PDB file of N, CA and C in Angstrom:
ATOM      1  N   MET A   1      17.483  11.397   2.407  1.00  0.00           N
ATOM      2  CA  MET A   1      16.928  10.176   2.927  1.00  0.00           C
ATOM      3  C   MET A   1      16.208   9.457   1.795  1.00  0.00           C
ATOM      4  N   LYS A   2      16.068   8.169   1.958  1.00  0.00           N
ATOM      5  CA  LYS A   2      15.387   7.388   0.941  1.00  0.00           C
ATOM      6  C   LYS A   2      14.630   6.248   1.602  1.00  0.00           C
ATOM      7  N   ARG A   3      13.697   5.688   0.857  1.00  0.00           N
ATOM      8  CA  ARG A   3      12.902   4.571   1.350  1.00  0.00           C
ATOM      9  C   ARG A   3      13.812   3.366   1.574  1.00  0.00           C
ATOM     10  N   ASN A   4      13.522   2.639   2.649  1.00  0.00           N
ATOM     11  CA  ASN A   4      14.269   1.434   3.009  1.00  0.00           C
ATOM     12  C   ASN A   4      15.764   1.722   3.090  1.00  0.00           C
ATOM     13  N   ILE A   5      16.082   2.712   3.886  1.00  0.00           N
ATOM     14  CA  ILE A   5      17.449   3.219   3.989  1.00  0.00           C
ATOM     15  C   ILE A   5      18.465   2.150   4.398  1.00  0.00           C
ATOM     16  N   CYS A   6      18.032   1.179   5.194  1.00  0.00           N
ATOM     17  CA  CYS A   6      18.946   0.118   5.648  1.00  0.00           C
ATOM     18  C   CYS A   6      18.882  -1.130   4.780  1.00  0.00           C
ATOM     19  N   LYS A   7      18.119  -1.049   3.682  1.00  0.00           N
ATOM     20  CA  LYS A   7      18.028  -2.152   2.725  1.00  0.00           C
ATOM     21  C   LYS A   7      17.557  -3.449   3.379  1.00  0.00           C
ATOM     22  N   LEU A   8      16.477  -3.341   4.144  1.00  0.00           N
ATOM     23  CA  LEU A   8      15.911  -4.498   4.830  1.00  0.00           C
ATOM     24  C   LEU A   8      14.924  -5.217   3.921  1.00  0.00           C
ATOM     25  N   ASP A   9      14.679  -6.493   4.220  1.00  0.00           N
ATOM     26  CA  ASP A   9      13.665  -7.244   3.489  1.00  0.00           C
ATOM     27  C   ASP A   9      12.294  -6.663   3.804  1.00  0.00           C
ATOM     28  N   ASP A  10      11.368  -6.798   2.869  1.00  0.00           N
ATOM     29  CA  ASP A  10      10.006  -6.341   3.113  1.00  0.00           C
ATOM     30  C   ASP A  10       9.404  -7.105   4.299  1.00  0.00           C
ATOM     31  N   HIS A  11       8.618  -6.406   5.074  1.00  0.00           N
ATOM     32  CA  HIS A  11       7.874  -6.977   6.198  1.00  0.00           C
ATOM     33  C   HIS A  11       8.777  -7.614   7.255  1.00  0.00           C
ATOM     34  N   VAL A  12       9.948  -7.075   7.427  1.00  0.00           N
ATOM     35  CA  VAL A  12      10.885  -7.598   8.412  1.00  0.00           C
ATOM     36  C   VAL A  12      10.486  -7.116   9.807  1.00  0.00           C
ATOM     37  N   VAL A  13      10.750  -7.932  10.807  1.00  0.00           N
ATOM     38  CA  VAL A  13      10.505  -7.577  12.199  1.00  0.00           C
ATOM     39  C   VAL A  13      11.835  -7.099  12.775  1.00  0.00           C
ATOM     40  N   LEU A  14      11.842  -5.866  13.276  1.00  0.00           N
ATOM     41  CA  LEU A  14      13.107  -5.257  13.706  1.00  0.00           C
ATOM     42  C   LEU A  14      13.847  -6.071  14.766  1.00  0.00           C
ATOM     43  N   ILE A  15      13.124  -6.649  15.704  1.00  0.00           N
ATOM     44  CA  ILE A  15      13.822  -7.389  16.774  1.00  0.00           C
ATOM     45  C   ILE A  15      14.481  -8.666  16.258  1.00  0.00           C
ATOM     46  N   LYS A  16      14.154  -9.076  15.055  1.00  0.00           N
ATOM     47  CA  LYS A  16      14.764 -10.276  14.482  1.00  0.00           C
ATOM     48  C   LYS A  16      15.982  -9.970  13.615  1.00  0.00           C
ATOM     49  N   ILE A  17      16.331  -8.704  13.483  1.00  0.00           N
ATOM     50  CA  ILE A  17      17.497  -8.327  12.683  1.00  0.00           C
ATOM     51  C   ILE A  17      18.719  -8.328  13.594  1.00  0.00           C
ATOM     52  N   GLU A  18      19.605  -9.266  13.368  1.00  0.00           N
ATOM     53  CA  GLU A  18      20.762  -9.429  14.244  1.00  0.00           C
ATOM     54  C   GLU A  18      21.762  -8.292  14.134  1.00  0.00           C
ATOM     55  N   ASP A  19      21.922  -7.735  12.962  1.00  0.00           N
ATOM     56  CA  ASP A  19      22.949  -6.720  12.743  1.00  0.00           C
ATOM     57  C   ASP A  19      22.359  -5.316  12.593  1.00  0.00           C
ATOM     58  N   LEU A  20      21.226  -5.040  13.221  1.00  0.00           N
ATOM     59  CA  LEU A  20      20.591  -3.732  13.090  1.00  0.00           C
ATOM     60  C   LEU A  20      21.514  -2.587  13.522  1.00  0.00           C
ATOM     61  N   PRO A  21      22.235  -2.697  14.638  1.00  0.00           N
ATOM     62  CA  PRO A  21      23.152  -1.597  14.985  1.00  0.00           C
ATOM     63  C   PRO A  21      24.198  -1.321  13.897  1.00  0.00           C
ATOM     64  N   THR A  22      24.693  -2.368  13.275  1.00  0.00           N
ATOM     65  CA  THR A  22      25.665  -2.196  12.191  1.00  0.00           C
ATOM     66  C   THR A  22      25.006  -1.541  10.985  1.00  0.00           C
ATOM     67  N   LEU A  23      23.802  -1.981  10.645  1.00  0.00           N
ATOM     68  CA  LEU A  23      23.076  -1.388   9.522  1.00  0.00           C
ATOM     69  C   LEU A  23      22.785   0.084   9.784  1.00  0.00           C
ATOM     70  N   ARG A  24      22.369   0.402  11.010  1.00  0.00           N
ATOM     71  CA  ARG A  24      22.113   1.810  11.359  1.00  0.00           C
ATOM     72  C   ARG A  24      23.379   2.634  11.210  1.00  0.00           C
ATOM     73  N   ALA A  25      24.479   2.124  11.715  1.00  0.00           N
ATOM     74  CA  ALA A  25      25.741   2.861  11.629  1.00  0.00           C
ATOM     75  C   ALA A  25      26.170   3.042  10.177  1.00  0.00           C
ATOM     76  N   THR A  26      25.971   2.031   9.366  1.00  0.00           N
ATOM     77  CA  THR A  26      26.390   2.076   7.967  1.00  0.00           C
ATOM     78  C   THR A  26      25.516   2.987   7.121  1.00  0.00           C
ATOM     79  N   TYR A  27      24.203   2.854   7.251  1.00  0.00           N
ATOM     80  CA  TYR A  27      23.291   3.547   6.340  1.00  0.00           C
ATOM     81  C   TYR A  27      22.679   4.829   6.896  1.00  0.00           C
ATOM     82  N   ILE A  28      22.613   4.952   8.201  1.00  0.00           N
ATOM     83  CA  ILE A  28      22.026   6.152   8.800  1.00  0.00           C
ATOM     84  C   ILE A  28      23.124   7.047   9.366  1.00  0.00           C
ATOM     85  N   GLY A  29      23.934   6.508  10.224  1.00  0.00           N
ATOM     86  CA  GLY A  29      25.044   7.271  10.796  1.00  0.00           C
ATOM     87  C   GLY A  29      24.588   8.269  11.849  1.00  0.00           C
ATOM     88  N   ASN A  30      25.550   8.803  12.562  1.00  0.00           N
ATOM     89  CA  ASN A  30      25.260   9.721  13.668  1.00  0.00           C
ATOM     90  C   ASN A  30      24.681  11.051  13.202  1.00  0.00           C
ATOM     91  N   THR A  31      25.150  11.549  12.078  1.00  0.00           N
ATOM     92  CA  THR A  31      24.707  12.863  11.619  1.00  0.00           C
ATOM     93  C   THR A  31      23.232  12.851  11.240  1.00  0.00           C
ATOM     94  N   LEU A  32      22.811  11.882  10.444  1.00  0.00           N
ATOM     95  CA  LEU A  32      21.406  11.800  10.054  1.00  0.00           C
ATOM     96  C   LEU A  32      20.528  11.484  11.257  1.00  0.00           C
ATOM     97  N   GLU A  33      21.003  10.617  12.133  1.00  0.00           N
ATOM     98  CA  GLU A  33      20.235  10.303  13.339  1.00  0.00           C
ATOM     99  C   GLU A  33      20.019  11.570  14.174  1.00  0.00           C
ATOM    100  N   TYR A  34      21.073  12.346  14.363  1.00  0.00           N
ATOM    101  CA  TYR A  34      20.960  13.602  15.099  1.00  0.00           C
ATOM    102  C   TYR A  34      19.963  14.538  14.417  1.00  0.00           C
ATOM    103  N   ALA A  35      20.112  14.703  13.104  1.00  0.00           N
ATOM    104  CA  ALA A  35      19.231  15.607  12.368  1.00  0.00           C
ATOM    105  C   ALA A  35      17.772  15.188  12.504  1.00  0.00           C
ATOM    106  N   CYS A  36      17.505  13.901  12.401  1.00  0.00           N
ATOM    107  CA  CYS A  36      16.129  13.414  12.515  1.00  0.00           C
ATOM    108  C   CYS A  36      15.566  13.620  13.924  1.00  0.00           C
ATOM    109  N   GLN A  37      16.407  13.543  14.922  1.00  0.00           N
ATOM    110  CA  GLN A  37      15.947  13.703  16.299  1.00  0.00           C
ATOM    111  C   GLN A  37      15.753  15.157  16.701  1.00  0.00           C
ATOM    112  N   PHE A  38      16.613  16.047  16.223  1.00  0.00           N
ATOM    113  CA  PHE A  38      16.653  17.379  16.820  1.00  0.00           C
ATOM    114  C   PHE A  38      16.341  18.539  15.890  1.00  0.00           C
ATOM    115  N   TRP A  39      15.941  18.291  14.653  1.00  0.00           N
ATOM    116  CA  TRP A  39      15.715  19.409  13.740  1.00  0.00           C
ATOM    117  C   TRP A  39      14.620  20.328  14.231  1.00  0.00           C
ATOM    118  N   THR A  40      13.632  19.808  14.912  1.00  0.00           N
ATOM    119  CA  THR A  40      12.566  20.696  15.384  1.00  0.00           C
ATOM    120  C   THR A  40      13.020  21.545  16.564  1.00  0.00           C
ATOM    121  N   ASN A  41      14.016  21.093  17.305  1.00  0.00           N
ATOM    122  CA  ASN A  41      14.580  21.943  18.358  1.00  0.00           C
ATOM    123  C   ASN A  41      15.190  23.192  17.733  1.00  0.00           C
ATOM    124  N   HIS A  42      15.865  23.002  16.608  1.00  0.00           N
ATOM    125  CA  HIS A  42      16.467  24.128  15.904  1.00  0.00           C
ATOM    126  C   HIS A  42      15.387  24.990  15.250  1.00  0.00           C
ATOM    127  N   LEU A  43      14.338  24.347  14.756  1.00  0.00           N
ATOM    128  CA  LEU A  43      13.225  25.071  14.163  1.00  0.00           C
ATOM    129  C   LEU A  43      12.615  26.037  15.163  1.00  0.00           C
ATOM    130  N   SER A  44      12.453  25.598  16.391  1.00  0.00           N
ATOM    131  CA  SER A  44      11.809  26.437  17.409  1.00  0.00           C
ATOM    132  C   SER A  44      12.619  27.690  17.738  1.00  0.00           C
ATOM    133  N   GLU A  45      13.878  27.720  17.337  1.00  0.00           N
ATOM    134  CA  GLU A  45      14.715  28.893  17.586  1.00  0.00           C
ATOM    135  C   GLU A  45      14.578  29.963  16.502  1.00  0.00           C
ATOM    136  N   ILE A  46      13.856  29.654  15.424  1.00  0.00           N
ATOM    137  CA  ILE A  46      13.652  30.630  14.345  1.00  0.00           C
ATOM    138  C   ILE A  46      12.474  31.516  14.733  1.00  0.00           C
ATOM    139  N   PRO A  47      12.690  32.806  14.875  1.00  0.00           N
ATOM    140  CA  PRO A  47      11.595  33.698  15.252  1.00  0.00           C
ATOM    141  C   PRO A  47      10.487  33.700  14.200  1.00  0.00           C
ATOM    142  N   GLY A  48       9.266  33.747  14.672  1.00  0.00           N
ATOM    143  CA  GLY A  48       8.123  33.730  13.772  1.00  0.00           C
ATOM    144  C   GLY A  48       8.070  34.930  12.846  1.00  0.00           C
ATOM    145  N   ASN A  49       8.643  36.038  13.266  1.00  0.00           N
ATOM    146  CA  ASN A  49       8.588  37.248  12.442  1.00  0.00           C
ATOM    147  C   ASN A  49       9.875  37.470  11.651  1.00  0.00           C
ATOM    148  N   SER A  50      10.702  36.447  11.532  1.00  0.00           N
ATOM    149  CA  SER A  50      11.954  36.602  10.791  1.00  0.00           C
ATOM    150  C   SER A  50      11.674  36.670   9.293  1.00  0.00           C
ATOM    151  N   ASP A  51      12.632  37.198   8.565  1.00  0.00           N
ATOM    152  CA  ASP A  51      12.507  37.293   7.109  1.00  0.00           C
ATOM    153  C   ASP A  51      12.407  35.919   6.453  1.00  0.00           C
ATOM    154  N   SER A  52      12.958  34.920   7.097  1.00  0.00           N
ATOM    155  CA  SER A  52      12.971  33.581   6.510  1.00  0.00           C
ATOM    156  C   SER A  52      11.756  32.748   6.899  1.00  0.00           C
ATOM    157  N   GLY A  53      10.833  33.306   7.659  1.00  0.00           N
ATOM    158  CA  GLY A  53       9.675  32.553   8.133  1.00  0.00           C
ATOM    159  C   GLY A  53       8.887  31.872   7.029  1.00  0.00           C
ATOM    160  N   GLU A  54       8.609  32.592   5.959  1.00  0.00           N
ATOM    161  CA  GLU A  54       7.842  32.009   4.853  1.00  0.00           C
ATOM    162  C   GLU A  54       8.639  30.916   4.140  1.00  0.00           C
ATOM    163  N   ASP A  55       9.943  31.119   4.007  1.00  0.00           N
ATOM    164  CA  ASP A  55      10.781  30.096   3.380  1.00  0.00           C
ATOM    165  C   ASP A  55      10.796  28.817   4.215  1.00  0.00           C
ATOM    166  N   VAL A  56      10.861  28.987   5.522  1.00  0.00           N
ATOM    167  CA  VAL A  56      10.868  27.827   6.410  1.00  0.00           C
ATOM    168  C   VAL A  56       9.512  27.124   6.351  1.00  0.00           C
ATOM    169  N   GLN A  57       8.435  27.882   6.314  1.00  0.00           N
ATOM    170  CA  GLN A  57       7.107  27.278   6.174  1.00  0.00           C
ATOM    171  C   GLN A  57       7.035  26.436   4.906  1.00  0.00           C
ATOM    172  N   LYS A  58       7.539  26.960   3.815  1.00  0.00           N
ATOM    173  CA  LYS A  58       7.539  26.225   2.541  1.00  0.00           C
ATOM    174  C   LYS A  58       8.381  24.959   2.670  1.00  0.00           C
ATOM    175  N   ALA A  59       9.513  25.048   3.330  1.00  0.00           N
ATOM    176  CA  ALA A  59      10.375  23.877   3.512  1.00  0.00           C
ATOM    177  C   ALA A  59       9.664  22.815   4.352  1.00  0.00           C
ATOM    178  N   ILE A  60       8.923  23.235   5.363  1.00  0.00           N
ATOM    179  CA  ILE A  60       8.168  22.288   6.191  1.00  0.00           C
ATOM    180  C   ILE A  60       7.083  21.616   5.353  1.00  0.00           C
ATOM    181  N   GLU A  61       6.392  22.392   4.554  1.00  0.00           N
ATOM    182  CA  GLU A  61       5.364  21.816   3.685  1.00  0.00           C
ATOM    183  C   GLU A  61       5.973  20.810   2.706  1.00  0.00           C
ATOM    184  N   ASP A  62       7.125  21.144   2.146  1.00  0.00           N
ATOM    185  CA  ASP A  62       7.821  20.218   1.249  1.00  0.00           C
ATOM    186  C   ASP A  62       8.246  18.952   1.997  1.00  0.00           C
ATOM    187  N   PHE A  63       8.708  19.128   3.221  1.00  0.00           N
ATOM    188  CA  PHE A  63       9.112  17.991   4.051  1.00  0.00           C
ATOM    189  C   PHE A  63       7.949  17.023   4.229  1.00  0.00           C
ATOM    190  N   PHE A  64       6.782  17.553   4.596  1.00  0.00           N
ATOM    191  CA  PHE A  64       5.628  16.678   4.804  1.00  0.00           C
ATOM    192  C   PHE A  64       5.154  16.034   3.503  1.00  0.00           C
ATOM    193  N   ALA A  65       5.325  16.713   2.400  1.00  0.00           N
ATOM    194  CA  ALA A  65       4.899  16.171   1.108  1.00  0.00           C
ATOM    195  C   ALA A  65       5.861  15.104   0.582  1.00  0.00           C
ATOM    196  N   MET A  66       7.161  15.243   0.884  1.00  0.00           N
ATOM    197  CA  MET A  66       8.146  14.374   0.233  1.00  0.00           C
ATOM    198  C   MET A  66       8.976  13.505   1.179  1.00  0.00           C
ATOM    199  N   ASP A  67       9.239  13.953   2.393  1.00  0.00           N
ATOM    200  CA  ASP A  67      10.220  13.263   3.245  1.00  0.00           C
ATOM    201  C   ASP A  67       9.683  12.729   4.563  1.00  0.00           C
ATOM    202  N   PHE A  68       8.443  13.000   4.874  1.00  0.00           N
ATOM    203  CA  PHE A  68       7.897  12.631   6.177  1.00  0.00           C
ATOM    204  C   PHE A  68       8.057  11.138   6.485  1.00  0.00           C
ATOM    205  N   LEU A  69       7.680  10.280   5.555  1.00  0.00           N
ATOM    206  CA  LEU A  69       7.758   8.843   5.805  1.00  0.00           C
ATOM    207  C   LEU A  69       9.200   8.360   5.954  1.00  0.00           C
ATOM    208  N   PHE A  70      10.124   8.982   5.240  1.00  0.00           N
ATOM    209  CA  PHE A  70      11.535   8.617   5.384  1.00  0.00           C
ATOM    210  C   PHE A  70      12.030   8.986   6.781  1.00  0.00           C
ATOM    211  N   TRP A  71      11.595  10.151   7.267  1.00  0.00           N
ATOM    212  CA  TRP A  71      11.953  10.604   8.614  1.00  0.00           C
ATOM    213  C   TRP A  71      11.430   9.626   9.650  1.00  0.00           C
ATOM    214  N   VAL A  72      10.171   9.227   9.516  1.00  0.00           N
ATOM    215  CA  VAL A  72       9.571   8.272  10.450  1.00  0.00           C
ATOM    216  C   VAL A  72      10.334   6.945  10.406  1.00  0.00           C
ATOM    217  N   GLU A  73      10.715   6.519   9.222  1.00  0.00           N
ATOM    218  CA  GLU A  73      11.475   5.269   9.091  1.00  0.00           C
ATOM    219  C   GLU A  73      12.784   5.339   9.879  1.00  0.00           C
ATOM    220  N   VAL A  74      13.511   6.437   9.740  1.00  0.00           N
ATOM    221  CA  VAL A  74      14.777   6.583  10.470  1.00  0.00           C
ATOM    222  C   VAL A  74      14.511   6.604  11.978  1.00  0.00           C
ATOM    223  N   LEU A  75      13.480   7.311  12.404  1.00  0.00           N
ATOM    224  CA  LEU A  75      13.154   7.341  13.829  1.00  0.00           C
ATOM    225  C   LEU A  75      12.837   5.945  14.357  1.00  0.00           C
ATOM    226  N   ILE A  76      12.104   5.167  13.590  1.00  0.00           N
ATOM    227  CA  ILE A  76      11.784   3.801  14.009  1.00  0.00           C
ATOM    228  C   ILE A  76      13.047   2.956  14.082  1.00  0.00           C
ATOM    229  N   LEU A  77      13.870   3.012  13.054  1.00  0.00           N
ATOM    230  CA  LEU A  77      15.084   2.189  13.017  1.00  0.00           C
ATOM    231  C   LEU A  77      16.078   2.554  14.117  1.00  0.00           C
ATOM    232  N   THR A  78      16.061   3.800  14.547  1.00  0.00           N
ATOM    233  CA  THR A  78      16.984   4.226  15.604  1.00  0.00           C
ATOM    234  C   THR A  78      16.344   4.152  16.995  1.00  0.00           C
ATOM    235  N   GLY A  79      15.107   3.681  17.049  1.00  0.00           N
ATOM    236  CA  GLY A  79      14.437   3.542  18.344  1.00  0.00           C
ATOM    237  C   GLY A  79      13.992   4.863  18.940  1.00  0.00           C
ATOM    238  N   ASN A  80      13.694   5.830  18.079  1.00  0.00           N
ATOM    239  CA  ASN A  80      13.361   7.176  18.549  1.00  0.00           C
ATOM    240  C   ASN A  80      12.002   7.677  18.065  1.00  0.00           C
ATOM    241  N   LEU A  81      11.073   6.776  17.833  1.00  0.00           N
ATOM    242  CA  LEU A  81       9.781   7.203  17.296  1.00  0.00           C
ATOM    243  C   LEU A  81       9.067   8.179  18.227  1.00  0.00           C
ATOM    244  N   GLU A  82       9.224   8.007  19.537  1.00  0.00           N
ATOM    245  CA  GLU A  82       8.552   8.927  20.476  1.00  0.00           C
ATOM    246  C   GLU A  82       9.032  10.367  20.294  1.00  0.00           C
ATOM    247  N   ILE A  83      10.255  10.548  19.854  1.00  0.00           N
ATOM    248  CA  ILE A  83      10.765  11.889  19.570  1.00  0.00           C
ATOM    249  C   ILE A  83       9.959  12.511  18.434  1.00  0.00           C
ATOM    250  N   GLY A  84       9.574  11.698  17.464  1.00  0.00           N
ATOM    251  CA  GLY A  84       8.764  12.185  16.358  1.00  0.00           C
ATOM    252  C   GLY A  84       7.427  12.735  16.806  1.00  0.00           C
ATOM    253  N   LEU A  85       6.836  12.108  17.804  1.00  0.00           N
ATOM    254  CA  LEU A  85       5.551  12.601  18.319  1.00  0.00           C
ATOM    255  C   LEU A  85       5.706  13.982  18.935  1.00  0.00           C
ATOM    256  N   HIS A  86       6.756  14.161  19.709  1.00  0.00           N
ATOM    257  CA  HIS A  86       7.026  15.475  20.303  1.00  0.00           C
ATOM    258  C   HIS A  86       7.401  16.491  19.223  1.00  0.00           C
ATOM    259  N   ALA A  87       8.134  16.029  18.227  1.00  0.00           N
ATOM    260  CA  ALA A  87       8.553  16.920  17.143  1.00  0.00           C
ATOM    261  C   ALA A  87       7.346  17.441  16.363  1.00  0.00           C
ATOM    262  N   LEU A  88       6.364  16.584  16.133  1.00  0.00           N
ATOM    263  CA  LEU A  88       5.154  17.027  15.429  1.00  0.00           C
ATOM    264  C   LEU A  88       4.454  18.132  16.205  1.00  0.00           C
ATOM    265  N   HIS A  89       4.442  18.001  17.507  1.00  0.00           N
ATOM    266  CA  HIS A  89       3.860  19.054  18.347  1.00  0.00           C
ATOM    267  C   HIS A  89       4.675  20.348  18.211  1.00  0.00           C
ATOM    268  N   ASP A  90       5.987  20.234  18.235  1.00  0.00           N
ATOM    269  CA  ASP A  90       6.854  21.410  18.089  1.00  0.00           C
ATOM    270  C   ASP A  90       6.632  22.098  16.741  1.00  0.00           C
ATOM    271  N   ILE A  91       6.484  21.302  15.690  1.00  0.00           N
ATOM    272  CA  ILE A  91       6.240  21.860  14.357  1.00  0.00           C
ATOM    273  C   ILE A  91       4.913  22.608  14.348  1.00  0.00           C
ATOM    274  N   GLU A  92       3.910  21.981  14.903  1.00  0.00           N
ATOM    275  CA  GLU A  92       2.592  22.622  14.944  1.00  0.00           C
ATOM    276  C   GLU A  92       2.647  23.940  15.708  1.00  0.00           C
ATOM    277  N   GLN A  93       3.317  23.952  16.846  1.00  0.00           N
ATOM    278  CA  GLN A  93       3.426  25.168  17.649  1.00  0.00           C
ATOM    279  C   GLN A  93       4.161  26.265  16.886  1.00  0.00           C
ATOM    280  N   TRP A  94       5.259  25.922  16.242  1.00  0.00           N
ATOM    281  CA  TRP A  94       6.020  26.918  15.490  1.00  0.00           C
ATOM    282  C   TRP A  94       5.188  27.447  14.330  1.00  0.00           C
ATOM    283  N   TYR A  95       4.541  26.546  13.630  1.00  0.00           N
ATOM    284  CA  TYR A  95       3.739  26.934  12.468  1.00  0.00           C
ATOM    285  C   TYR A  95       2.605  27.868  12.884  1.00  0.00           C
ATOM    286  N   MET A  96       1.949  27.575  13.994  1.00  0.00           N
ATOM    287  CA  MET A  96       0.876  28.434  14.481  1.00  0.00           C
ATOM    288  C   MET A  96       1.409  29.803  14.880  1.00  0.00           C
ATOM    289  N   LEU A  97       2.578  29.850  15.523  1.00  0.00           N
ATOM    290  CA  LEU A  97       3.189  31.108  15.911  1.00  0.00           C
ATOM    291  C   LEU A  97       3.524  31.956  14.687  1.00  0.00           C
ATOM    292  N   VAL A  98       4.103  31.328  13.685  1.00  0.00           N
ATOM    293  CA  VAL A  98       4.460  32.052  12.464  1.00  0.00           C
ATOM    294  C   VAL A  98       3.203  32.564  11.770  1.00  0.00           C
ATOM    295  N   SER A  99       2.194  31.741  11.673  1.00  0.00           N
ATOM    296  CA  SER A  99       0.952  32.148  11.020  1.00  0.00           C
ATOM    297  C   SER A  99       0.317  33.320  11.771  1.00  0.00           C
ATOM    298  N   TYR A 100       0.329  33.266  13.086  1.00  0.00           N
ATOM    299  CA  TYR A 100      -0.225  34.330  13.899  1.00  0.00           C
ATOM    300  C   TYR A 100       0.590  35.610  13.741  1.00  0.00           C
ATOM    301  N   THR A 101       1.918  35.474  13.775  1.00  0.00           N
ATOM    302  CA  THR A 101       2.814  36.628  13.649  1.00  0.00           C
ATOM    303  C   THR A 101       2.652  37.287  12.289  1.00  0.00           C
ATOM    304  N   GLN A 102       2.495  36.496  11.239  1.00  0.00           N
ATOM    305  CA  GLN A 102       2.327  37.072   9.900  1.00  0.00           C
ATOM    306  C   GLN A 102       1.021  37.851   9.786  1.00  0.00           C
ATOM    307  N   LYS A 103      -0.009  37.430  10.488  1.00  0.00           N
ATOM    308  CA  LYS A 103      -1.287  38.146  10.453  1.00  0.00           C
ATOM    309  C   LYS A 103      -1.182  39.509  11.131  1.00  0.00           C
ATOM    310  N   ILE A 104      -0.339  39.586  12.164  1.00  0.00           N
ATOM    311  CA  ILE A 104      -0.174  40.843  12.909  1.00  0.00           C
ATOM    312  C   ILE A 104       0.585  41.865  12.071  1.00  0.00           C
ATOM    313  N   TYR A 105       1.628  41.405  11.351  1.00  0.00           N
ATOM    314  CA  TYR A 105       2.475  42.328  10.611  1.00  0.00           C
ATOM    315  C   TYR A 105       1.920  42.569   9.279  1.00  0.00           C
TER     316      TYR A 105
END
């Protein structure tokens, strides 16, 4: 993902973009849209005590450091920002579970 993925003018109002569906299809596509909407659903399926737990934690930390705003941009452009709010909760829940599980083992 990258900043200004649809190559819009600065300070543009989304409802005034006539070809937004075309821009979304061209620059975002179904695969990235799906990934942005549902990655935390897949995250929640990773057991907290799995061998990859620490690697996933590191990937989440990297995501927040480098890609978070790009993710939010895609969610806004696809009309799915509310999914991001739920996803943040899912991330927090998974992260707390992993942290708790690591303390036990």
